Protein backbone atom coordinates (compact mmCIF):
# COMPACT_ATOMS: atom_id res chain seq x y z
CA UNK A 1 0.00 0.00 0.00
CA UNK A 2 2.80 2.41 0.88
CA UNK A 3 4.55 1.79 -2.45
CA UNK A 4 1.28 2.28 -4.35
CA UNK A 5 0.66 5.56 -2.51
CA UNK A 6 4.17 6.80 -3.27
CA UNK A 7 3.70 5.90 -6.95
CA UNK A 8 0.41 7.82 -7.12
CA UNK A 9 1.99 10.76 -5.33
CA UNK A 10 4.86 10.90 -7.84
CA UNK A 11 2.51 10.58 -10.80
CA UNK A 12 0.31 13.46 -9.67
CA UNK A 13 2.95 15.75 -8.15
CA UNK A 14 3.90 18.83 -10.13
CA UNK A 15 7.50 19.74 -9.41
CA UNK A 16 8.44 23.40 -9.59
CA UNK A 17 12.13 23.94 -8.76
CA UNK A 18 11.68 27.62 -7.90
CA UNK A 19 8.94 26.81 -5.38
CA UNK A 20 10.29 23.59 -3.92
CA UNK A 21 12.22 23.16 -0.70
CA UNK A 22 14.23 20.26 0.65
CA UNK A 23 17.47 19.23 2.29
CA UNK A 24 19.95 16.90 0.62
CA UNK A 25 22.95 15.17 2.17
CA UNK A 26 25.88 14.50 -0.17
CA UNK A 27 29.16 12.76 0.60
CA UNK A 28 32.06 12.78 -1.85
CA UNK A 29 35.71 11.89 -2.09
CA UNK A 30 37.83 14.96 -1.40
CA UNK A 31 38.78 15.22 -5.08
CA UNK A 32 35.09 15.78 -5.96
CA UNK A 33 33.92 18.04 -3.12
CA UNK A 34 34.70 21.37 -4.79
CA UNK A 35 33.10 20.23 -8.06
CA UNK A 36 29.93 19.21 -6.20
CA UNK A 37 29.76 22.65 -4.55
CA UNK A 38 30.26 24.28 -7.94
CA UNK A 39 27.41 22.28 -9.50
CA UNK A 40 25.12 23.18 -6.60
CA UNK A 41 25.98 26.89 -6.88
CA UNK A 42 25.87 27.14 -10.69
CA UNK A 43 23.37 24.52 -11.84
CA UNK A 44 20.94 23.91 -8.99
CA UNK A 45 20.46 26.93 -6.71
CA UNK A 46 19.79 29.44 -9.52
CA UNK A 47 16.71 27.38 -10.40
CA UNK A 48 15.86 26.06 -6.93
CA UNK A 49 17.00 28.66 -4.37
CA UNK A 50 15.08 27.06 -1.49
CA UNK A 51 16.96 23.77 -1.60
CA UNK A 52 19.63 23.19 1.05
CA UNK A 53 22.68 20.92 0.87
CA UNK A 54 25.04 19.32 3.37
CA UNK A 55 28.19 18.41 1.42
CA UNK A 56 31.10 16.77 3.23
CA UNK A 57 34.12 14.60 2.52
CA UNK A 58 33.38 10.88 2.42
CA UNK A 59 35.62 9.12 4.93
CA UNK A 60 33.82 5.84 5.60
CA UNK A 61 31.51 3.30 4.02
CA UNK A 62 28.08 4.92 4.19
CA UNK A 63 26.23 2.30 2.12
CA UNK A 64 23.75 1.62 4.93
CA UNK A 65 23.09 5.34 5.29
CA UNK A 66 22.43 5.58 1.55
CA UNK A 67 20.10 2.61 1.66
CA UNK A 68 18.34 3.94 4.77
CA UNK A 69 17.95 7.46 3.41
CA UNK A 70 20.31 9.20 5.84
CA UNK A 71 22.55 10.15 2.91
CA UNK A 72 21.05 11.06 -0.46
CA UNK A 73 24.02 10.91 -2.85
CA UNK A 74 27.63 9.76 -2.81
CA UNK A 75 30.24 10.72 -5.43
CA UNK A 76 33.03 8.15 -5.84
CA UNK A 77 35.20 6.18 -8.24
CA UNK A 78 34.26 2.78 -9.67
CA UNK A 79 35.49 0.68 -6.72
CA UNK A 80 32.19 0.39 -4.83
CA UNK A 81 30.81 -3.15 -4.47
CA UNK A 82 27.41 -2.99 -2.74
CA UNK A 83 24.84 -4.52 -5.11
CA UNK A 84 22.00 -2.81 -3.23
CA UNK A 85 22.99 0.63 -4.49
CA UNK A 86 21.85 2.41 -7.63
CA UNK A 87 24.45 4.31 -9.61
CA UNK A 88 25.00 6.52 -12.63
CA UNK A 89 28.35 7.23 -14.24
CA UNK A 90 28.98 10.88 -15.09
CA UNK A 91 32.38 10.44 -16.75
CA UNK A 92 34.77 7.69 -17.74
CA UNK A 93 38.43 7.88 -16.83
CA UNK A 94 40.58 9.10 -19.69
CA UNK A 95 44.06 10.43 -19.08
CA UNK A 96 46.04 9.50 -15.96
CA UNK A 97 48.82 11.69 -14.59
CA UNK A 98 51.88 11.73 -12.39
CA UNK A 99 51.95 14.72 -10.03
CA UNK A 100 55.22 15.99 -8.56
CA UNK A 101 56.99 19.17 -7.52
CA UNK A 102 57.64 21.44 -10.48
CA UNK A 103 61.40 20.74 -10.68
CA UNK A 104 61.12 16.99 -10.08
CA UNK A 105 63.29 14.84 -12.40
CA UNK A 106 60.30 12.62 -13.23
CA UNK A 107 58.76 15.49 -15.18
CA UNK A 108 61.76 15.68 -17.50
CA UNK A 109 62.95 12.06 -17.78
CA UNK A 110 61.66 9.66 -20.37
CA UNK A 111 58.43 8.17 -19.05
CA UNK A 112 58.90 4.57 -17.92
CA UNK A 113 57.95 2.39 -14.97
CA UNK A 114 61.62 1.90 -14.21
CA UNK A 115 62.14 5.64 -13.79
CA UNK A 116 58.93 6.06 -11.79
CA UNK A 117 59.89 3.23 -9.42
CA UNK A 118 62.94 5.21 -8.26
CA UNK A 119 60.71 7.68 -6.40
CA UNK A 120 58.47 7.14 -3.35
CA UNK A 121 54.73 7.16 -3.97
CA UNK A 122 52.36 9.38 -2.02
CA UNK A 123 48.94 7.77 -2.36
CA UNK A 124 45.78 9.90 -2.40
CA UNK A 125 43.89 7.17 -0.62
CA UNK A 126 40.11 6.85 -0.25
CA UNK A 127 38.54 4.60 2.36
CA UNK A 128 37.79 1.69 0.00
CA UNK A 129 40.74 1.89 -2.40
CA UNK A 130 42.82 -1.11 -3.34
CA UNK A 131 44.98 -2.51 -0.54
CA UNK A 132 48.04 -1.99 -2.70
CA UNK A 133 48.36 1.26 -4.71
CA UNK A 134 47.93 0.86 -8.46
CA UNK A 135 51.35 2.13 -9.40
CA UNK A 136 53.04 -0.14 -6.86
CA UNK A 137 51.08 -3.09 -8.30
CA UNK A 138 52.10 -2.16 -11.82
CA UNK A 139 55.76 -1.96 -10.82
CA UNK A 140 55.59 -5.36 -9.10
CA UNK A 141 54.02 -6.92 -12.18
CA UNK A 142 57.07 -5.75 -14.11
CA UNK A 143 59.66 -6.92 -11.58
CA UNK A 144 60.21 -3.47 -10.06
CA UNK A 145 59.82 -2.16 -6.52
CA UNK A 146 58.27 1.18 -5.58
CA UNK A 147 58.27 2.42 -2.00
CA UNK A 148 55.17 4.07 -0.50
CA UNK A 149 55.95 7.32 1.27
CA UNK A 150 52.51 7.58 2.85
CA UNK A 151 48.76 7.91 2.41
CA UNK A 152 46.34 10.82 2.66
CA UNK A 153 42.71 11.40 1.69
CA UNK A 154 43.28 15.16 1.51
CA UNK A 155 44.18 16.72 -1.82
CA UNK A 156 45.49 19.88 -0.14
CA UNK A 157 47.77 17.84 2.13
CA UNK A 158 49.02 15.83 -0.85
CA UNK A 159 49.96 19.01 -2.71
CA UNK A 160 51.94 20.34 0.26
CA UNK A 161 53.85 17.07 0.64
CA UNK A 162 54.61 16.86 -3.08
CA UNK A 163 55.89 20.44 -3.14
CA UNK A 164 58.39 19.70 -0.38
CA UNK A 165 59.61 16.18 -1.23
CA UNK A 166 60.71 13.75 -3.92
CA UNK A 167 57.41 11.87 -3.70
CA UNK A 168 55.14 11.45 -6.72
CA UNK A 169 51.39 10.86 -6.90
CA UNK A 170 49.16 9.10 -9.41
CA UNK A 171 45.91 10.84 -10.32
CA UNK A 172 43.15 10.09 -12.81
CA UNK A 173 41.03 13.03 -11.67
CA UNK A 174 40.66 16.03 -13.98
CA UNK A 175 39.44 18.21 -11.09
CA UNK A 176 42.66 17.45 -9.21
CA UNK A 177 44.77 18.12 -12.29
CA UNK A 178 43.05 21.48 -12.73
CA UNK A 179 43.68 22.25 -9.06
CA UNK A 180 47.38 21.59 -9.65
CA UNK A 181 47.34 24.36 -12.27
CA UNK A 182 46.66 26.77 -9.39
CA UNK A 183 49.71 25.59 -7.40
CA UNK A 184 53.01 26.97 -8.74
CA UNK A 185 55.14 24.48 -6.77
CA UNK A 186 53.49 21.36 -8.25
CA UNK A 187 53.12 20.13 -11.82
CA UNK A 188 51.97 17.02 -13.68
CA UNK A 189 52.72 14.77 -16.60
CA UNK A 190 50.54 12.32 -18.50
CA UNK A 191 51.41 8.63 -18.34
CA UNK A 192 52.07 6.74 -21.56
CA UNK A 193 49.12 5.15 -23.36
CA UNK A 194 50.36 1.68 -22.43
CA UNK A 195 50.59 2.52 -18.71
CA UNK A 196 47.11 4.04 -18.76
CA UNK A 197 45.62 0.96 -20.39
CA UNK A 198 47.34 -1.35 -17.90
CA UNK A 199 45.99 0.66 -14.97
CA UNK A 200 42.47 0.65 -16.41
CA UNK A 201 42.63 -3.12 -16.79
CA UNK A 202 43.44 -3.46 -13.10
CA UNK A 203 40.58 -1.14 -12.11
CA UNK A 204 37.90 -2.42 -14.50
CA UNK A 205 37.24 -5.73 -12.76
CA UNK A 206 33.66 -4.88 -11.78
CA UNK A 207 32.57 -1.96 -13.98
CA UNK A 208 33.71 0.82 -16.30
CA UNK A 209 36.59 2.84 -14.85
CA UNK A 210 35.21 6.26 -14.07
CA UNK A 211 33.30 8.52 -11.71
CA UNK A 212 29.91 7.66 -10.25
CA UNK A 213 26.99 9.03 -8.28
CA UNK A 214 25.47 6.44 -5.91
CA UNK A 215 22.00 6.59 -4.36
CA UNK A 216 19.48 4.35 -2.64
CA UNK A 217 15.82 3.48 -3.19
CA UNK A 218 14.14 5.26 -0.27
CA UNK A 219 13.83 8.72 -1.73
CA UNK A 220 12.26 8.87 -5.16
CA UNK A 221 10.51 12.22 -4.97
CA UNK A 222 10.37 14.64 -7.92
CA UNK A 223 12.81 16.95 -6.12
CA UNK A 224 15.25 14.09 -5.49
CA UNK A 225 15.17 12.97 -9.12
CA UNK A 226 15.58 16.56 -10.33
CA UNK A 227 18.62 17.12 -8.08
CA UNK A 228 20.09 13.79 -9.21
CA UNK A 229 19.76 14.73 -12.89
CA UNK A 230 21.34 18.12 -12.22
CA UNK A 231 24.26 16.53 -10.36
CA UNK A 232 24.91 14.05 -13.17
CA UNK A 233 24.65 16.72 -15.85
CA UNK A 234 26.65 19.33 -13.95
CA UNK A 235 29.49 17.01 -12.91
CA UNK A 236 29.74 15.56 -16.41
CA UNK A 237 29.95 19.05 -17.91
CA UNK A 238 32.45 20.31 -15.33
CA UNK A 239 34.60 17.22 -15.91
CA UNK A 240 34.67 17.90 -19.66
CA UNK A 241 35.54 21.55 -19.07
CA UNK A 242 38.36 20.60 -16.70
CA UNK A 243 39.70 18.04 -19.17
CA UNK A 244 39.75 20.63 -21.94
CA UNK A 245 41.92 23.12 -20.06
């Protein structure tokens, strides 16, 4: 009966963004938080000024909160594995980069795993990432050893460490690469096509390598679906704009 009532309510509800209110909870990896705020400010609030958002960095598995309705949306990479969750991809992973201080030798040397393995890796690590960093795995598969300097889930912290050390970082995130453009002490370099394809093969075990919005089944209101469509559209567009600059 409850499901039938909700269906009737959705069918007969007229959604007007400018008149609608609501509060949405969004959790995102640190590399996506600024982009989510930008989409809210530029794509959602101009049309729906009465909506409110709680956007914070995702630091734990909140699958049960998504399923229970305590969290509305989560923005992550492809590594999630809870079959109970709905998801939409807003961009596939394209280029992958090495980040390092601006005068780091890795930015000038010929690009090879052997050269990369000489430098310690700083891993921008999210709560459910692979146990072993991708670049370390790739080096091992080719008979090389790469040391791990440390882990952080903070992009700002990673940039400070890179600027002051010999460490390097792997990133497939165009928002992070664009952020690096704002930091004079840090630069980046694209991996070779072969390295990129090898990394994608490692990451594509369950689904397409890319960036996803996750959500549950509890909330299916017109406002929820409108916000979801705006998030997907806005993040996809912002990703393309970042990749083009």
